[in-house]
C-alpha atoms as a PDB file:
ATOM      1  CA  MET A   1     -10.225 -10.970  12.840  1.00  0.00           C
ATOM      2  CA  GLN A   2     -10.319  -9.032   9.616  1.00  0.00           C
ATOM      3  CA  LEU A   3      -8.503  -9.087   6.296  1.00  0.00           C
ATOM      4  CA  LYS A   4      -8.614  -6.762   3.311  1.00  0.00           C
ATOM      5  CA  PHE A   5      -7.871  -7.959  -0.207  1.00  0.00           C
ATOM      6  CA  GLY A   6      -5.887  -5.973  -2.743  1.00  0.00           C
ATOM      7  CA  MET A   7      -4.409  -6.740  -6.153  1.00  0.00           C
ATOM      8  CA  SER A   8      -1.083  -5.939  -7.730  1.00  0.00           C
ATOM      9  CA  PRO A   9      -1.163  -4.360 -11.215  1.00  0.00           C
ATOM     10  CA  ILE A  10       1.636  -6.682 -12.340  1.00  0.00           C
ATOM     11  CA  SER A  11      -0.869  -9.156 -13.790  1.00  0.00           C
ATOM     12  CA  TRP A  12      -1.972  -6.485 -16.272  1.00  0.00           C
ATOM     13  CA  THR A  13       1.342  -4.804 -17.002  1.00  0.00           C
ATOM     14  CA  ASN A  14       4.843  -5.860 -15.955  1.00  0.00           C
ATOM     15  CA  ASP A  15       7.322  -3.049 -15.302  1.00  0.00           C
ATOM     16  CA  ASP A  16      10.350  -5.360 -15.701  1.00  0.00           C
ATOM     17  CA  LEU A  17       8.999  -6.956 -18.886  1.00  0.00           C
ATOM     18  CA  PRO A  18       7.227  -4.199 -20.838  1.00  0.00           C
ATOM     19  CA  GLN A  19       6.230  -6.666 -23.543  1.00  0.00           C
ATOM     20  CA  LEU A  20       3.831  -8.161 -20.996  1.00  0.00           C
ATOM     21  CA  GLY A  21       0.824  -5.861 -21.014  1.00  0.00           C
ATOM     22  CA  GLY A  22       2.736  -2.798 -22.074  1.00  0.00           C
ATOM     23  CA  ASP A  23      -0.233  -1.555 -24.070  1.00  0.00           C
ATOM     24  CA  THR A  24      -2.755  -2.177 -21.281  1.00  0.00           C
ATOM     25  CA  SER A  25      -4.081   1.047 -19.792  1.00  0.00           C
ATOM     26  CA  LEU A  26      -4.115   1.913 -16.114  1.00  0.00           C
ATOM     27  CA  GLU A  27      -7.861   2.453 -16.511  1.00  0.00           C
ATOM     28  CA  THR A  28      -8.331  -1.184 -17.532  1.00  0.00           C
ATOM     29  CA  CYS A  29      -6.170  -2.435 -14.689  1.00  0.00           C
ATOM     30  CA  LEU A  30      -7.991  -0.492 -11.992  1.00  0.00           C
ATOM     31  CA  ARG A  31     -11.469  -1.101 -13.384  1.00  0.00           C
ATOM     32  CA  GLU A  32     -10.949  -4.849 -13.506  1.00  0.00           C
ATOM     33  CA  THR A  33      -9.281  -4.893 -10.100  1.00  0.00           C
ATOM     34  CA  ARG A  34     -12.409  -3.401  -8.557  1.00  0.00           C
ATOM     35  CA  GLN A  35     -14.772  -5.565 -10.619  1.00  0.00           C
ATOM     36  CA  ALA A  36     -13.010  -8.668  -9.340  1.00  0.00           C
ATOM     37  CA  GLY A  37     -13.860  -7.616  -5.788  1.00  0.00           C
ATOM     38  CA  TYR A  38     -10.633  -6.088  -4.506  1.00  0.00           C
ATOM     39  CA  SER A  39     -10.724  -2.901  -2.466  1.00  0.00           C
ATOM     40  CA  GLY A  40      -7.062  -1.937  -2.800  1.00  0.00           C
ATOM     41  CA  THR A  41      -4.182  -1.831  -5.246  1.00  0.00           C
ATOM     42  CA  GLU A  42      -0.428  -1.615  -5.091  1.00  0.00           C
ATOM     43  CA  MET A  43       1.466   1.051  -7.017  1.00  0.00           C
ATOM     44  CA  GLY A  44       2.704   0.263 -10.520  1.00  0.00           C
ATOM     45  CA  GLY A  45       4.782   1.974 -13.159  1.00  0.00           C
ATOM     46  CA  LYS A  46       1.787   3.514 -14.947  1.00  0.00           C
ATOM     47  CA  PHE A  47       0.393   5.178 -11.834  1.00  0.00           C
ATOM     48  CA  PRO A  48       0.658   8.984 -11.553  1.00  0.00           C
ATOM     49  CA  ARG A  49       3.274  10.142  -9.077  1.00  0.00           C
ATOM     50  CA  ASP A  50       1.650  13.372  -7.882  1.00  0.00           C
ATOM     51  CA  GLU A  51      -0.798  13.285  -5.001  1.00  0.00           C
ATOM     52  CA  ALA A  52      -3.766  14.979  -6.664  1.00  0.00           C
ATOM     53  CA  SER A  53      -3.706  12.829  -9.806  1.00  0.00           C
ATOM     54  CA  LEU A  54      -3.155   9.596  -7.899  1.00  0.00           C
ATOM     55  CA  ARG A  55      -5.918  10.390  -5.440  1.00  0.00           C
ATOM     56  CA  ARG A  56      -8.273  11.184  -8.313  1.00  0.00           C
ATOM     57  CA  VAL A  57      -7.619   8.001 -10.306  1.00  0.00           C
ATOM     58  CA  LEU A  58      -7.973   5.790  -7.234  1.00  0.00           C
ATOM     59  CA  ALA A  59     -11.199   7.472  -6.187  1.00  0.00           C
ATOM     60  CA  ALA A  60     -12.620   7.004  -9.681  1.00  0.00           C
ATOM     61  CA  HIS A  61     -12.358   3.244  -9.150  1.00  0.00           C
ATOM     62  CA  ASP A  62     -13.147   3.168  -5.418  1.00  0.00           C
ATOM     63  CA  LEU A  63      -9.728   1.745  -4.586  1.00  0.00           C
ATOM     64  CA  LYS A  64      -7.236   2.429  -1.815  1.00  0.00           C
ATOM     65  CA  LEU A  65      -3.480   2.655  -2.295  1.00  0.00           C
ATOM     66  CA  VAL A  66      -2.236  -0.239  -0.220  1.00  0.00           C
ATOM     67  CA  SER A  67       1.506  -0.282  -0.817  1.00  0.00           C
ATOM     68  CA  GLY A  68       4.146  -0.284  -3.506  1.00  0.00           C
ATOM     69  CA  TRP A  69       7.663  -1.461  -4.243  1.00  0.00           C
ATOM     70  CA  TYR A  70      10.692   0.636  -3.375  1.00  0.00           C
ATOM     71  CA  SER A  71      14.066  -0.418  -4.832  1.00  0.00           C
ATOM     72  CA  GLY A  72      16.427  -0.153  -1.903  1.00  0.00           C
ATOM     73  CA  THR A  73      20.216  -0.116  -2.118  1.00  0.00           C
ATOM     74  CA  LEU A  74      21.307  -0.285   1.513  1.00  0.00           C
ATOM     75  CA  LEU A  75      23.848  -2.987   0.804  1.00  0.00           C
ATOM     76  CA  ASP A  76      25.881  -0.234  -0.840  1.00  0.00           C
ATOM     77  CA  ASN A  77      24.455   2.925   0.688  1.00  0.00           C
ATOM     78  CA  THR A  78      24.251   4.904   3.904  1.00  0.00           C
ATOM     79  CA  VAL A  79      21.106   5.430   5.952  1.00  0.00           C
ATOM     80  CA  ALA A  80      21.164   9.161   5.239  1.00  0.00           C
ATOM     81  CA  ARG A  81      21.425   8.727   1.466  1.00  0.00           C
ATOM     82  CA  GLU A  82      18.792   6.013   1.411  1.00  0.00           C
ATOM     83  CA  ILE A  83      16.377   8.218   3.320  1.00  0.00           C
ATOM     84  CA  GLU A  84      16.851  10.930   0.713  1.00  0.00           C
ATOM     85  CA  ARG A  85      16.102   8.391  -2.030  1.00  0.00           C
ATOM     86  CA  ILE A  86      12.967   7.042  -0.382  1.00  0.00           C
ATOM     87  CA  LYS A  87      11.518  10.409   0.692  1.00  0.00           C
ATOM     88  CA  PRO A  88       9.487  11.265  -2.439  1.00  0.00           C
ATOM     89  CA  GLN A  89       7.716   7.917  -2.511  1.00  0.00           C
ATOM     90  CA  LEU A  90       7.288   7.899   1.256  1.00  0.00           C
ATOM     91  CA  GLU A  91       5.733  11.366   1.235  1.00  0.00           C
ATOM     92  CA  LEU A  92       3.301  10.320  -1.495  1.00  0.00           C
ATOM     93  CA  PHE A  93       2.354   7.179   0.398  1.00  0.00           C
ATOM     94  CA  ALA A  94       1.876   9.136   3.617  1.00  0.00           C
ATOM     95  CA  ALA A  95      -0.422  11.605   1.856  1.00  0.00           C
ATOM     96  CA  LEU A  96      -2.535   8.721   0.500  1.00  0.00           C
ATOM     97  CA  GLU A  97      -2.456   6.948   3.898  1.00  0.00           C
ATOM     98  CA  ALA A  98      -0.905   3.793   2.479  1.00  0.00           C
ATOM     99  CA  PRO A  99      -0.418   1.325   5.344  1.00  0.00           C
ATOM    100  CA  VAL A 100       3.096   0.189   4.299  1.00  0.00           C
ATOM    101  CA  ILE A 101       5.931   0.769   1.859  1.00  0.00           C
ATOM    102  CA  VAL A 102       7.528  -2.365   0.382  1.00  0.00           C
ATOM    103  CA  TYR A 103      11.329  -2.418   0.638  1.00  0.00           C
ATOM    104  CA  GLY A 104      13.174  -4.744  -1.740  1.00  0.00           C
ATOM    105  CA  GLU A 105      16.974  -4.895  -1.629  1.00  0.00           C
ATOM    106  CA  THR A 106      18.062  -4.375  -5.238  1.00  0.00           C
ATOM    107  CA  TRP A 107      21.811  -3.816  -5.002  1.00  0.00           C
ATOM    108  CA  GLN A 108      23.318  -6.023  -7.758  1.00  0.00           C
ATOM    109  CA  THR A 109      19.978  -7.806  -8.151  1.00  0.00           C
ATOM    110  CA  VAL A 110      19.403 -10.113 -11.115  1.00  0.00           C
ATOM    111  CA  GLN A 111      15.607 -10.116 -10.724  1.00  0.00           C
ATOM    112  CA  ASN A 112      15.166  -7.784 -13.713  1.00  0.00           C
ATOM    113  CA  ARG A 113      17.914  -9.111 -15.996  1.00  0.00           C
ATOM    114  CA  ARG A 114      17.249 -11.820 -18.564  1.00  0.00           C
ATOM    115  CA  ASP A 115      20.976 -12.081 -19.274  1.00  0.00           C
ATOM    116  CA  GLN A 116      21.733 -13.210 -15.702  1.00  0.00           C
ATOM    117  CA  PRO A 117      20.746 -16.665 -14.397  1.00  0.00           C
ATOM    118  CA  LEU A 118      19.359 -17.095 -10.905  1.00  0.00           C
ATOM    119  CA  GLN A 119      22.662 -18.492  -9.638  1.00  0.00           C
ATOM    120  CA  ASN A 120      24.274 -15.080 -10.198  1.00  0.00           C
ATOM    121  CA  LYS A 121      22.228 -13.423  -7.462  1.00  0.00           C
ATOM    122  CA  PRO A 122      24.256 -11.370  -4.988  1.00  0.00           C
ATOM    123  CA  LEU A 123      25.559 -13.384  -2.039  1.00  0.00           C
ATOM    124  CA  LEU A 124      26.081 -11.869   1.386  1.00  0.00           C
ATOM    125  CA  ALA A 125      28.566 -13.257   3.869  1.00  0.00           C
ATOM    126  CA  GLU A 126      27.054 -13.956   7.273  1.00  0.00           C
ATOM    127  CA  ALA A 127      29.322 -11.270   8.740  1.00  0.00           C
ATOM    128  CA  GLU A 128      27.692  -8.621   6.528  1.00  0.00           C
ATOM    129  CA  PHE A 129      24.212  -8.995   7.990  1.00  0.00           C
ATOM    130  CA  PRO A 130      24.657  -7.133  11.310  1.00  0.00           C
ATOM    131  CA  ALA A 131      25.734  -3.892   9.612  1.00  0.00           C
ATOM    132  CA  TYR A 132      23.093  -4.291   6.922  1.00  0.00           C
ATOM    133  CA  GLY A 133      20.433  -4.923   9.540  1.00  0.00           C
ATOM    134  CA  GLU A 134      21.461  -1.818  11.446  1.00  0.00           C
ATOM    135  CA  ARG A 135      21.133   0.345   8.330  1.00  0.00           C
ATOM    136  CA  LEU A 136      17.796  -1.236   7.382  1.00  0.00           C
ATOM    137  CA  THR A 137      16.497  -0.599  10.889  1.00  0.00           C
ATOM    138  CA  GLY A 138      17.524   3.045  10.625  1.00  0.00           C
ATOM    139  CA  VAL A 139      15.562   3.525   7.404  1.00  0.00           C
ATOM    140  CA  ALA A 140      12.586   1.605   8.811  1.00  0.00           C
ATOM    141  CA  GLU A 141      12.512   3.799  11.918  1.00  0.00           C
ATOM    142  CA  TYR A 142      12.465   6.874   9.703  1.00  0.00           C
ATOM    143  CA  CYS A 143       9.585   5.460   7.632  1.00  0.00           C
ATOM    144  CA  ALA A 144       7.613   4.651  10.767  1.00  0.00           C
ATOM    145  CA  GLY A 145       8.158   8.182  11.980  1.00  0.00           C
ATOM    146  CA  GLN A 146       6.586   9.456   8.763  1.00  0.00           C
ATOM    147  CA  GLY A 147       3.516   7.279   9.322  1.00  0.00           C
ATOM    148  CA  VAL A 148       4.269   4.591   6.720  1.00  0.00           C
ATOM    149  CA  PRO A 149       5.819   1.434   8.189  1.00  0.00           C
ATOM    150  CA  LEU A 150       8.416  -0.401   6.132  1.00  0.00           C
ATOM    151  CA  THR A 151       7.763  -4.007   5.122  1.00  0.00           C
ATOM    152  CA  PHE A 152      10.753  -6.042   3.930  1.00  0.00           C
ATOM    153  CA  HIS A 153      10.290  -8.160   0.798  1.00  0.00           C
ATOM    154  CA  HIS A 154      12.465 -11.252   0.360  1.00  0.00           C
ATOM    155  CA  HIS A 155      12.630 -11.743  -3.416  1.00  0.00           C
ATOM    156  CA  MET A 156      14.082 -14.125  -5.976  1.00  0.00           C
ATOM    157  CA  GLY A 157      17.263 -12.850  -7.584  1.00  0.00           C
ATOM    158  CA  THR A 158      18.171 -10.481  -4.739  1.00  0.00           C
ATOM    159  CA  GLY A 159      20.606 -10.645  -1.851  1.00  0.00           C
ATOM    160  CA  VAL A 160      17.796 -11.819   0.419  1.00  0.00           C
ATOM    161  CA  GLU A 161      16.100 -14.673  -1.408  1.00  0.00           C
ATOM    162  CA  THR A 162      16.238 -17.786   0.777  1.00  0.00           C
ATOM    163  CA  GLU A 163      14.697 -18.565   4.138  1.00  0.00           C
ATOM    164  CA  GLU A 164      18.193 -18.621   5.673  1.00  0.00           C
ATOM    165  CA  GLU A 165      18.983 -15.165   4.292  1.00  0.00           C
ATOM    166  CA  LEU A 166      15.646 -13.881   5.552  1.00  0.00           C
ATOM    167  CA  ASP A 167      16.366 -15.335   9.001  1.00  0.00           C
ATOM    168  CA  ARG A 168      19.626 -13.388   9.095  1.00  0.00           C
ATOM    169  CA  VAL A 169      17.865 -10.152   8.183  1.00  0.00           C
ATOM    170  CA  MET A 170      15.229 -10.655  10.840  1.00  0.00           C
ATOM    171  CA  ALA A 171      17.815 -11.582  13.472  1.00  0.00           C
ATOM    172  CA  ASN A 172      19.788  -8.407  12.820  1.00  0.00           C
ATOM    173  CA  THR A 173      16.986  -5.840  12.561  1.00  0.00           C
ATOM    174  CA  GLY A 174      14.801  -4.068  15.073  1.00  0.00           C
ATOM    175  CA  GLU A 175      11.044  -4.209  15.433  1.00  0.00           C
ATOM    176  CA  ALA A 176      10.592  -1.273  13.033  1.00  0.00           C
ATOM    177  CA  VAL A 177      11.461  -3.635  10.174  1.00  0.00           C
ATOM    178  CA  GLY A 178       8.226  -5.410   9.317  1.00  0.00           C
ATOM    179  CA  LEU A 179       8.098  -8.552   7.220  1.00  0.00           C
ATOM    180  CA  LEU A 180       6.286  -9.017   3.941  1.00  0.00           C
ATOM    181  CA  VAL A 181       5.598 -12.715   3.526  1.00  0.00           C
ATOM    182  CA  ASP A 182       5.487 -13.531  -0.187  1.00  0.00           C
ATOM    183  CA  THR A 183       4.248 -17.085  -0.487  1.00  0.00           C
ATOM    184  CA  GLY A 184       5.354 -17.556  -4.084  1.00  0.00           C
ATOM    185  CA  HIS A 185       8.864 -16.203  -3.693  1.00  0.00           C
ATOM    186  CA  LEU A 186       9.397 -18.132  -0.477  1.00  0.00           C
ATOM    187  CA  LEU A 187       8.347 -21.446  -2.013  1.00  0.00           C
ATOM    188  CA  PHE A 188      10.330 -20.745  -5.205  1.00  0.00           C
ATOM    189  CA  ALA A 189      13.421 -20.241  -3.037  1.00  0.00           C
ATOM    190  CA  GLY A 190      12.841 -23.545  -1.244  1.00  0.00           C
ATOM    191  CA  GLY A 191      11.497 -22.028   1.944  1.00  0.00           C
ATOM    192  CA  ASP A 192       8.846 -23.242   4.377  1.00  0.00           C
ATOM    193  CA  ILE A 193       5.920 -20.800   4.269  1.00  0.00           C
ATOM    194  CA  LEU A 194       4.192 -22.026   7.416  1.00  0.00           C
ATOM    195  CA  ALA A 195       7.426 -22.097   9.424  1.00  0.00           C
ATOM    196  CA  VAL A 196       8.255 -18.501   8.465  1.00  0.00           C
ATOM    197  CA  ILE A 197       4.762 -17.327   9.417  1.00  0.00           C
ATOM    198  CA  ALA A 198       5.018 -19.104  12.777  1.00  0.00           C
ATOM    199  CA  ARG A 199       8.511 -17.768  13.457  1.00  0.00           C
ATOM    200  CA  TYR A 200       7.860 -14.122  12.601  1.00  0.00           C
ATOM    201  CA  GLY A 201       4.129 -13.715  13.156  1.00  0.00           C
ATOM    202  CA  SER A 202       4.476 -10.622  15.302  1.00  0.00           C
ATOM    203  CA  ARG A 203       6.518  -8.834  12.625  1.00  0.00           C
ATOM    204  CA  ILE A 204       4.408  -9.674   9.572  1.00  0.00           C
ATOM    205  CA  ASN A 205       2.763  -6.461   8.383  1.00  0.00           C
ATOM    206  CA  HIS A 206       1.995  -7.332   4.763  1.00  0.00           C
ATOM    207  CA  VAL A 207       1.288 -10.441   2.684  1.00  0.00           C
ATOM    208  CA  HIS A 208       1.716 -11.160  -1.020  1.00  0.00           C
ATOM    209  CA  ALA A 209      -0.341 -14.153  -2.109  1.00  0.00           C
ATOM    210  CA  LYS A 210       0.849 -15.787  -5.295  1.00  0.00           C
ATOM    211  CA  ASP A 211       0.957 -19.432  -6.270  1.00  0.00           C
ATOM    212  CA  ILE A 212       3.461 -21.673  -8.029  1.00  0.00           C
ATOM    213  CA  ARG A 213       2.899 -24.021 -10.943  1.00  0.00           C
ATOM    214  CA  ALA A 214       4.693 -27.174  -9.797  1.00  0.00           C
ATOM    215  CA  GLU A 215       5.252 -28.452 -13.321  1.00  0.00           C
ATOM    216  CA  VAL A 216       7.067 -25.235 -14.279  1.00  0.00           C
ATOM    217  CA  LEU A 217       9.076 -25.034 -11.050  1.00  0.00           C
ATOM    218  CA  ALA A 218      10.338 -28.571 -11.719  1.00  0.00           C
ATOM    219  CA  THR A 219      11.949 -27.391 -14.963  1.00  0.00           C
ATOM    220  CA  VAL A 220      13.869 -24.444 -13.476  1.00  0.00           C
ATOM    221  CA  ASN A 221      17.640 -24.581 -13.883  1.00  0.00           C
ATOM    222  CA  ARG A 222      19.330 -21.946 -11.725  1.00  0.00           C
ATOM    223  CA  GLU A 223      22.512 -22.165 -13.789  1.00  0.00           C
ATOM    224  CA  THR A 224      20.836 -21.130 -17.032  1.00  0.00           C
ATOM    225  CA  ASP A 225      17.408 -19.646 -16.253  1.00  0.00           C
ATOM    226  CA  SER A 226      16.925 -16.027 -15.283  1.00  0.00           C
ATOM    227  CA  PHE A 227      14.117 -15.006 -12.963  1.00  0.00           C
ATOM    228  CA  LEU A 228      12.339 -13.353 -15.890  1.00  0.00           C
ATOM    229  CA  ASP A 229      12.714 -16.519 -17.968  1.00  0.00           C
ATOM    230  CA  CYS A 230      10.821 -18.334 -15.233  1.00  0.00           C
ATOM    231  CA  VAL A 231       8.117 -15.664 -15.211  1.00  0.00           C
ATOM    232  CA  LEU A 232       7.700 -15.980 -18.975  1.00  0.00           C
ATOM    233  CA  ARG A 233       7.380 -19.756 -18.670  1.00  0.00           C
ATOM    234  CA  GLY A 234       4.556 -19.270 -16.165  1.00  0.00           C
ATOM    235  CA  VAL A 235       6.091 -20.300 -12.851  1.00  0.00           C
ATOM    236  CA  PHE A 236       3.762 -17.912 -10.993  1.00  0.00           C
ATOM    237  CA  THR A 237       0.000 -17.904 -10.897  1.00  0.00           C
ATOM    238  CA  VAL A 238      -2.738 -16.755  -8.520  1.00  0.00           C
ATOM    239  CA  PRO A 239      -3.943 -18.577  -5.394  1.00  0.00           C
ATOM    240  CA  GLY A 240      -6.143 -21.499  -6.288  1.00  0.00           C
ATOM    241  CA  ASP A 241      -4.288 -22.278  -9.516  1.00  0.00           C
ATOM    242  CA  GLY A 242      -1.076 -23.759  -8.176  1.00  0.00           C
ATOM    243  CA  MET A 243       0.519 -25.989  -5.567  1.00  0.00           C
ATOM    244  CA  ILE A 244       0.214 -23.874  -2.385  1.00  0.00           C
ATOM    245  CA  ASP A 245      -2.373 -24.890   0.208  1.00  0.00           C
ATOM    246  CA  TYR A 246      -3.934 -21.524   1.007  1.00  0.00           C
ATOM    247  CA  ARG A 247      -6.188 -22.949   3.679  1.00  0.00           C
ATOM    248  CA  GLY A 248      -3.028 -23.802   5.574  1.00  0.00           C
ATOM    249  CA  VAL A 249      -1.546 -20.363   4.911  1.00  0.00           C
ATOM    250  CA  MET A 250      -4.657 -18.535   6.114  1.00  0.00           C
ATOM    251  CA  GLN A 251      -4.893 -20.751   9.195  1.00  0.00           C
ATOM    252  CA  ALA A 252      -1.251 -20.020  10.014  1.00  0.00           C
ATOM    253  CA  LEU A 253      -1.833 -16.268   9.663  1.00  0.00           C
ATOM    254  CA  ALA A 254      -4.934 -16.510  11.838  1.00  0.00           C
ATOM    255  CA  GLU A 255      -2.973 -18.318  14.540  1.00  0.00           C
ATOM    256  CA  GLN A 256      -0.549 -15.376  14.567  1.00  0.00           C
ATOM    257  CA  ARG A 257      -3.491 -12.947  14.770  1.00  0.00           C
ATOM    258  CA  TYR A 258      -2.477 -11.276  11.520  1.00  0.00           C
ATOM    259  CA  GLU A 259      -4.885  -8.595  10.363  1.00  0.00           C
ATOM    260  CA  GLY A 260      -4.471  -6.252   7.441  1.00  0.00           C
ATOM    261  CA  TRP A 261      -3.958  -6.522   3.714  1.00  0.00           C
ATOM    262  CA  VAL A 262      -3.374  -9.581   1.579  1.00  0.00           C
ATOM    263  CA  ILE A 263      -2.328  -8.743  -1.989  1.00  0.00           C
ATOM    264  CA  VAL A 264      -2.888 -11.132  -4.866  1.00  0.00           C
ATOM    265  CA  GLU A 265       0.125 -10.903  -7.126  1.00  0.00           C
ATOM    266  CA  ALA A 266       1.139 -13.082 -10.042  1.00  0.00           C
ATOM    267  CA  GLU A 267       3.677 -12.120 -12.676  1.00  0.00           C
ATOM    268  CA  GLN A 268       2.144 -13.706 -15.777  1.00  0.00           C
ATOM    269  CA  ASP A 269       1.799 -13.074 -19.481  1.00  0.00           C
ATOM    270  CA  PRO A 270      -1.621 -11.407 -19.819  1.00  0.00           C
ATOM    271  CA  ALA A 271      -1.940 -12.796 -23.338  1.00  0.00           C
ATOM    272  CA  LEU A 272      -1.888 -16.311 -21.855  1.00  0.00           C
ATOM    273  CA  ALA A 273      -3.520 -15.656 -18.482  1.00  0.00           C
ATOM    274  CA  ASP A 274      -6.321 -13.103 -18.744  1.00  0.00           C
ATOM    275  CA  PRO A 275      -5.735 -10.730 -15.801  1.00  0.00           C
ATOM    276  CA  TYR A 276      -9.400 -10.259 -14.909  1.00  0.00           C
ATOM    277  CA  GLU A 277     -10.146 -13.980 -15.045  1.00  0.00           C
ATOM    278  CA  TYR A 278      -7.166 -14.807 -12.856  1.00  0.00           C
ATOM    279  CA  ALA A 279      -7.918 -11.937 -10.475  1.00  0.00           C
ATOM    280  CA  CYS A 280     -11.324 -13.525  -9.910  1.00  0.00           C
ATOM    281  CA  ILE A 281      -9.798 -16.986  -9.403  1.00  0.00           C
ATOM    282  CA  GLY A 282      -7.385 -15.572  -6.829  1.00  0.00           C
ATOM    283  CA  TYR A 283     -10.080 -13.656  -4.981  1.00  0.00           C
ATOM    284  CA  ARG A 284     -12.374 -16.659  -4.695  1.00  0.00           C
ATOM    285  CA  ALA A 285      -9.588 -18.966  -3.496  1.00  0.00           C
ATOM    286  CA  LEU A 286      -8.386 -16.491  -0.873  1.00  0.00           C
ATOM    287  CA  GLN A 287     -11.907 -15.718   0.276  1.00  0.00           C
ATOM    288  CA  GLN A 288     -12.713 -19.384   0.815  1.00  0.00           C
ATOM    289  CA  ALA A 289      -9.451 -19.997   2.655  1.00  0.00           C
ATOM    290  CA  ALA A 290      -9.779 -16.891   4.820  1.00  0.00           C
ATOM    291  CA  LEU A 291     -13.371 -17.578   5.804  1.00  0.00           C
ATOM    292  CA  ALA A 292     -12.475 -21.143   6.715  1.00  0.00           C
ATOM    293  CA  ALA A 293      -9.741 -19.763   9.005  1.00  0.00           C
ATOM    294  CA  GLY A 294     -12.260 -17.538  10.805  1.00  0.00           C
ATOM    295  CA  TYR A 295     -11.530 -14.237   9.081  1.00  0.00           C
ATOM    296  CA  THR A 296     -14.003 -11.579   8.019  1.00  0.00           C
ATOM    297  CA  ILE A 297     -13.262  -9.857   4.697  1.00  0.00           C
ATOM    298  CA  THR A 298     -13.665  -6.086   4.910  1.00  0.00           C
ATOM    299  CA  ARG A 299     -12.919  -2.990   2.837  1.00  0.00           C
END
């Protein structure tokens, strides 16, 4: 079985918190990503949005476009309107042969608002999930038809944050809706990483590997702390620098025969956590865990 390792640019420059790495160039981000050993990158805010320019900058650093976040609004939108919104990004990703597009549900999200504590995340009634799942499936089927499968990202501060909320999404969507397992977000939300991998192995089509600093997580107060407050305090880090057992995670993925991309992602302050240094830490930890689980690392 084979895995490919990519890196998110969020360690170098944070689109939701421009004060974190706002003056760091895309050139620096991509150069250090490749130097750390990664063969792919996710899209970030500083990336060019036209095909020729994006292709050129990726080729200059011998990197592949792996995926990228799309801010979905299907909780308050129709399938037809959402398809029109996603088309430009989907067409770009198809041209660059990106293997997935990351769908995050951002209707009334508090993930990017420092004035809103975590407890103010949108809450969906159980009865809302069937209709939402039907709409999400419709968009996912369209994406698949364009050659770029959708991968659904459960995320802190959104309407689908907890393991229970994720279960309801998965129960009410068709096979076209793939699952992005984000180890850090799942643990932050109190979920069981290994149980989710075992339950939805056949639908996992993307993995975000981040770690959690236990001592920071222990201080989080959902009534007063925003998601971005937690990021600034350093709740996230890279694999190998936190509390998650990545040998167990890689073994669980191997048991489900997962193959594809694993993306190291850690929203941190680059002034406190040097992005290149932490990219190397994450790569080494994942490599050791993956090899121990029987994987081969490829480009």
